[in-house]
Protein backbone atom coordinates (compact mmCIF):
# COMPACT_ATOMS: atom_id res chain seq x y z
CA MET A 1 94.56 124.39 119.57
CA ILE A 2 96.01 120.92 118.95
CA GLY A 3 99.61 120.19 118.15
CA LYS A 4 101.59 117.22 117.00
CA ILE A 5 104.65 117.07 117.21
CA SER A 6 107.77 113.89 115.65
CA THR A 7 111.19 113.42 114.16
CA GLY A 8 111.93 111.69 111.32
CA LYS A 9 114.64 111.01 109.22
CA SER A 10 114.01 112.56 105.80
CA PHE A 11 113.98 116.36 105.12
CA ARG A 12 112.93 115.36 101.20
CA GLY A 13 110.02 113.31 102.14
CA CYS A 14 108.63 115.47 104.80
CA LEU A 15 108.72 118.65 103.13
CA ASN A 16 107.77 117.13 99.80
CA TYR A 17 104.68 115.99 101.36
CA LEU A 18 103.95 119.28 103.09
CA HIS A 19 104.43 121.38 99.53
CA GLU A 20 102.62 118.42 97.17
CA GLY A 21 100.14 116.44 99.50
CA ARG A 22 100.25 112.59 99.68
CA LEU A 23 101.90 110.87 96.71
CA GLN A 24 99.21 109.93 94.09
CA GLN A 25 99.03 107.25 90.87
CA SER A 26 99.63 109.68 87.91
CA LYS A 27 100.67 113.45 87.33
CA ALA A 28 97.21 114.60 86.94
CA LEU A 29 96.19 113.86 90.25
CA GLN A 30 99.33 114.82 91.50
CA GLU A 31 98.60 118.54 90.52
CA ILE A 32 95.37 118.15 91.79
CA GLU A 33 96.47 117.40 95.41
CA GLN A 34 99.01 119.67 95.54
CA GLU A 35 96.93 122.27 94.41
CA LYS A 36 94.44 121.52 97.23
CA LYS A 37 97.39 122.28 99.89
CA GLN A 38 97.62 125.58 98.78
CA ALA A 39 101.16 125.48 100.95
CA GLN A 40 102.71 128.52 101.35
CA VAL A 41 105.78 129.40 102.97
CA ILE A 42 105.49 132.21 105.68
CA CYS A 43 108.23 131.96 107.45
CA PHE A 44 112.26 131.75 107.24
CA ASN A 45 115.06 131.21 109.36
CA GLN A 46 118.19 130.24 108.82
CA CYS A 47 117.17 129.33 105.34
CA PHE A 48 115.57 130.26 101.71
CA GLY A 49 114.58 129.12 98.53
CA ASN A 50 112.22 126.79 97.16
CA LYS A 51 111.26 123.43 98.06
CA LYS A 52 114.51 121.41 96.56
CA GLU A 53 116.86 124.32 98.25
CA LEU A 54 115.56 124.20 101.05
CA ILE A 55 116.01 120.30 101.34
CA GLN A 56 119.69 120.51 100.09
CA GLN A 57 120.53 123.00 103.14
CA PHE A 58 118.60 121.46 105.65
CA ASN A 59 120.86 118.16 104.52
CA GLU A 60 123.90 120.28 104.05
CA VAL A 61 123.40 120.82 107.91
CA ARG A 62 122.49 117.65 109.11
CA TYR A 63 125.76 116.34 108.72
CA LEU A 64 127.66 118.06 110.82
CA ASN A 65 126.02 115.60 113.33
CA PRO A 66 125.88 112.21 111.04
CA LYS A 67 125.06 110.29 113.87
CA LEU A 68 122.25 111.61 114.33
CA SER A 69 119.64 108.99 112.62
CA LYS A 70 116.49 111.54 112.53
CA PRO A 71 116.99 115.00 112.46
CA VAL A 72 113.81 116.50 111.24
CA LEU A 73 112.17 117.72 113.63
CA HIS A 74 107.85 118.51 112.35
CA ALA A 75 105.25 120.12 114.38
CA SER A 76 101.33 120.58 113.29
CA LEU A 77 99.18 123.50 114.72
CA SER A 78 95.49 122.77 114.14
CA PHE A 79 93.33 125.82 115.74
CA ALA A 80 89.71 125.87 116.34
CA HIS A 81 86.98 126.66 113.76
CA SER A 82 86.70 130.07 115.77
CA ASP A 83 90.01 131.00 115.66
CA GLN A 84 90.80 133.71 112.95
CA LEU A 85 95.01 134.82 112.72
CA SER A 86 96.91 137.14 111.21
CA ASN A 87 99.90 136.15 108.92
CA GLN A 88 101.87 137.86 111.40
CA ASP A 89 99.82 136.06 114.77
CA LYS A 90 100.98 132.94 112.74
CA ILE A 91 104.41 133.58 111.95
CA ASP A 92 105.05 134.99 115.62
CA ILE A 93 103.47 131.42 117.44
CA GLY A 94 106.15 129.74 114.85
CA LYS A 95 108.57 132.29 116.30
CA GLN A 96 107.57 131.20 120.11
CA MET A 97 108.02 127.46 119.61
CA ALA A 98 111.36 127.77 117.96
CA LYS A 99 112.21 129.46 121.60
CA ASP A 100 110.39 127.12 123.68
CA PHE A 101 111.90 124.04 122.14
CA GLY A 102 115.20 125.44 121.99
CA PHE A 103 115.81 125.87 117.87
CA GLU A 104 115.34 129.07 117.39
CA ASN A 105 119.36 130.07 115.81
CA ASN A 106 118.61 126.34 113.23
CA GLN A 107 116.82 126.19 110.16
CA TYR A 108 113.42 126.03 110.25
CA VAL A 109 110.41 127.13 108.34
CA VAL A 110 106.58 127.86 109.11
CA ILE A 111 104.48 126.75 106.10
CA GLU A 112 100.47 126.92 106.01
CA HIS A 113 98.14 125.38 104.37
CA ALA A 114 94.60 126.10 103.17
CA ASP A 115 93.05 122.97 102.61
CA ARG A 116 90.70 122.81 106.12
CA GLN A 117 87.83 125.10 107.17
CA HIS A 118 89.96 125.70 110.18
CA GLN A 119 93.86 126.93 110.06
CA HIS A 120 96.40 125.31 110.86
CA LEU A 121 100.14 125.28 110.33
CA HIS A 122 103.59 122.64 109.92
CA ILE A 123 106.81 123.96 111.73
CA VAL A 124 109.86 121.88 110.15
CA ALA A 125 112.77 122.02 111.67
CA ASN A 126 116.72 120.84 111.64
CA ARG A 127 117.53 119.39 115.17
CA VAL A 128 121.18 119.72 114.03
CA GLY A 129 122.45 123.29 114.76
CA TYR A 130 124.97 125.41 112.50
CA ASP A 131 127.31 124.66 116.10
CA ALA A 132 126.28 121.07 115.19
CA LYS A 133 124.70 120.72 118.57
CA THR A 134 121.31 118.65 118.64
CA VAL A 135 117.82 119.81 120.10
CA SER A 136 116.57 117.30 122.46
CA ASP A 137 113.25 115.38 121.61
CA SER A 138 113.24 114.74 125.37
CA ASN A 139 109.23 114.79 126.56
CA ASN A 140 108.24 116.41 123.41
CA TYR A 141 104.66 115.39 123.49
CA LYS A 142 104.55 117.03 127.07
CA ARG A 143 105.52 119.72 126.02
CA ILE A 144 103.70 120.36 123.03
CA ALA A 145 100.65 119.99 124.99
CA ASN A 146 102.04 122.88 127.60
CA PHE A 147 102.95 125.25 125.06
CA CYS A 148 99.33 125.08 123.06
CA ARG A 149 97.49 125.85 126.20
CA SER A 150 100.59 128.87 126.59
CA ILE A 151 99.20 129.85 123.39
CA GLU A 152 95.88 129.93 123.79
CA LYS A 153 96.16 132.11 127.15
CA LYS A 154 98.40 134.46 125.03
CA HIS A 155 96.47 135.20 122.30
CA GLN A 156 93.10 134.53 123.61
CA LEU A 157 92.56 131.45 121.47
CA GLU A 158 89.60 129.03 122.22
CA GLN A 159 90.49 126.00 124.41
CA VAL A 160 90.46 122.89 122.43
CA LEU A 161 91.56 120.07 124.54
CA SER A 162 90.66 117.09 122.19
CA PRO A 163 91.35 116.42 118.46
CA ARG A 164 87.75 115.39 118.27
CA LYS A 165 86.41 118.87 118.33
CA PHE A 166 87.78 119.26 114.54
CA LEU A 167 85.70 116.12 113.63
CA SER A 168 82.39 115.89 112.38
CA LYS A 169 79.35 114.85 113.94
CA GLU A 170 78.85 111.66 112.10
CA GLU A 171 82.53 110.83 112.88
CA ARG A 172 82.45 111.79 116.18
CA MET A 173 79.93 108.94 116.95
CA LEU A 174 82.76 106.96 115.60
CA PRO A 175 84.77 105.08 118.40
CA ARG A 176 87.97 106.55 118.52
CA GLN A 177 90.99 105.11 116.88
CA ASP A 178 94.55 105.87 115.80
CA ILE A 179 94.00 106.69 111.58
CA ARG A 180 97.24 106.49 110.74
CA LYS A 181 97.74 103.34 112.31
CA GLU A 182 94.42 101.72 110.47
CA ALA A 183 95.26 103.16 107.40
CA LEU A 184 98.71 101.44 107.35
CA LYS A 185 97.38 98.03 108.26
CA GLU A 186 95.08 98.54 105.84
CA VAL A 187 98.21 99.02 103.29
CA ILE A 188 100.05 96.32 104.64
CA ALA A 189 96.91 93.55 104.06
CA LYS A 190 96.43 94.84 101.35
CA PHE A 191 100.17 93.90 99.89
CA LEU A 192 100.86 91.36 101.63
CA LYS A 193 97.83 89.43 99.99
CA GLN A 194 99.30 90.26 96.55
CA SER A 195 103.55 89.53 97.05
CA THR A 196 105.31 86.41 97.57
CA THR A 197 108.35 87.51 98.02
CA MET A 198 109.63 90.74 100.45
CA LYS A 199 111.09 92.51 97.78
CA GLU A 200 108.10 92.79 95.46
CA PHE A 201 106.14 93.80 98.95
CA GLN A 202 108.41 96.54 99.45
CA ASN A 203 108.22 97.90 96.12
CA LYS A 204 104.56 97.69 96.28
CA ILE A 205 104.69 99.61 100.06
CA THR A 206 106.81 102.68 98.86
CA ALA A 207 104.43 103.35 96.11
CA LYS A 208 102.40 104.03 98.05
CA GLY A 209 104.09 106.26 99.94
CA TYR A 210 106.12 104.40 103.20
CA GLU A 211 109.21 104.57 103.88
CA ILE A 212 110.65 100.26 105.54
CA GLU A 213 113.45 99.70 107.77
CA LEU A 214 114.37 95.78 107.89
CA GLY A 215 116.51 94.86 110.65
CA ARG A 216 116.22 92.35 113.45
CA GLY A 217 112.43 93.60 112.65
CA ILE A 218 110.16 95.89 110.52
CA ALA A 219 109.19 99.28 110.91
CA PHE A 220 106.83 101.73 108.81
CA THR A 221 107.13 105.47 108.01
CA ASP A 222 104.66 107.32 106.36
CA ALA A 223 104.67 110.64 104.49
CA GLN A 224 104.37 112.54 106.96
CA VAL A 225 107.48 110.85 108.53
CA VAL A 226 105.38 109.09 111.49
CA ARG A 227 106.99 105.99 112.12
CA PHE A 228 105.36 102.94 113.35
CA LYS A 229 107.22 99.50 114.49
CA GLY A 230 105.39 96.44 112.52
CA SER A 231 104.11 94.84 115.83
CA GLN A 232 102.62 97.83 116.91
CA VAL A 233 99.92 97.99 113.89
CA GLY A 234 99.75 93.64 114.60
CA TYR A 235 102.18 93.04 111.65
CA PRO A 236 105.78 92.14 112.93
CA LEU A 237 108.44 91.12 110.47
CA LEU A 238 107.77 87.06 111.53
CA LYS A 239 104.00 86.98 110.33
CA ILE A 240 105.39 88.97 107.16
CA GLU A 241 107.65 87.04 106.22
CA ASN A 242 105.48 83.74 106.91
CA GLN A 243 102.73 84.85 105.32
CA LEU A 244 105.03 85.65 101.92
CA ALA A 245 106.45 82.16 102.53
CA LEU A 246 102.73 80.80 102.31
CA ASN A 247 101.77 83.12 99.61
CA LYS A 248 104.89 81.29 97.35
CA LYS A 249 103.71 77.84 97.89
CA GLN A 250 100.00 78.13 97.45
CA GLN A 251 101.36 80.25 93.99
CA GLN A 252 103.61 77.48 93.04
CA GLU A 253 100.73 74.28 93.91
CA GLN A 254 98.22 76.51 91.59
CA GLN A 255 100.76 76.60 88.99
CA GLN A 256 101.62 72.81 89.03
CA GLN A 257 97.74 72.18 89.19
CA PRO A 258 96.22 72.28 85.63
CA SER A 259 93.44 75.02 85.03
CA MET A 260 89.95 74.83 85.35
CA ALA A 261 89.98 75.55 81.56
CA GLN A 262 92.37 72.60 81.06
CA GLN A 263 90.58 70.30 83.01
CA LEU A 264 86.85 70.75 81.29
CA ARG A 265 89.24 70.57 77.71
CA GLU A 266 90.87 66.90 78.72
CA VAL A 267 86.99 65.82 80.18
CA ILE A 268 85.59 66.43 76.40
CA GLN A 269 88.23 64.79 75.08
CA GLN A 270 87.80 61.84 77.03
CA GLN A 271 84.33 61.81 76.26
CA LYS A 272 84.75 62.22 72.81
CA GLN A 273 87.57 59.45 72.73
CA GLN A 274 84.48 57.12 74.55
CA GLU A 275 82.17 58.40 71.73
CA GLN A 276 84.65 57.04 68.93
CA LEU A 277 85.53 53.89 70.24
CA LYS A 278 81.50 53.50 71.19
CA GLN A 279 80.47 54.33 67.61
CA LYS A 280 83.64 52.50 66.20
CA LYS A 281 82.25 49.22 68.42
CA LYS A 282 78.96 49.45 66.82
CA ASN A 283 80.19 50.14 63.12
CA SER A 284 82.06 46.73 63.74
CA ARG A 285 79.40 44.74 64.69
CA LEU A 286 76.60 46.27 62.11
CA ASN A 287 79.65 45.09 59.33
CA ASN A 288 80.17 41.68 60.96
CA ARG A 289 76.19 41.54 60.56
CA GLU A 290 75.98 42.50 57.04
CA ASP A 291 78.66 39.91 56.22
CA LEU A 292 76.82 36.85 57.90
CA ASP A 293 73.45 37.77 56.40
CA TYR A 294 75.42 37.76 52.86
CA ASP A 295 76.77 34.71 53.69
CA LYS A 296 73.11 32.83 54.14
CA ARG A 297 71.12 34.86 51.08
CA ASN A 298 74.62 33.56 48.52
CA LYS A 299 74.89 30.05 50.32
CA PHE A 300 72.59 27.92 47.88
């Protein structure tokens, strides 16, 4: 069993992703992505309703502590291929996690997806309770690992100590890398080449499903509410600003220079003018010669 946990800013972004999948370029593709996810809420706690209603309810309670910037707690639990749990088992595991992490009296939902060969769950909780108190996120990474080991023993599940357990044989041969970071780096590199202003760059990045924070530095949050500083993926704010300025300068220089087609037209025009001038001189010489011959013939 593999557990991942993170905190984030947006209930809307997190629940949209869990219900609909990654943001697609068209409505038709989005429907396919949503159908593939097969998201199902199997447990509600202190909340109810569809996605839109859940987002509204979570946001109403989060403002009991308006100073908290990251009220979203999002955990994913992935089970080994050999593990086959009933719906009640999954609900019990969600409730056990809520108890162990201290949000059993807060709003949370347990969502199941069926787009993988192995069973997996997502738990979205409000770190802010109805009493306005906040659930701590201290040592969450260590706590989630300990939680997974205890659940494996309690439910007699296969012990999975590495996420590589879920990879194909071909994928296991690849060097270990942070897939999220690599995906973000590719997106930044692609749209940085295509942009000349920060606004243009931001629009392209957000259209791809990322949120951008700008201040003294820059940070990116993906659709699963995982946040990376620009410096963590090799793109600090200064580097991005310098590249945008360079792109703008190169664009201006290109606009000032005549196009290749225009240059070719000018060369052809010059050659044509030179040919016309040569022909004009040649005709003039011929005319002069004819006049001279005529004079000679008619002199006597």
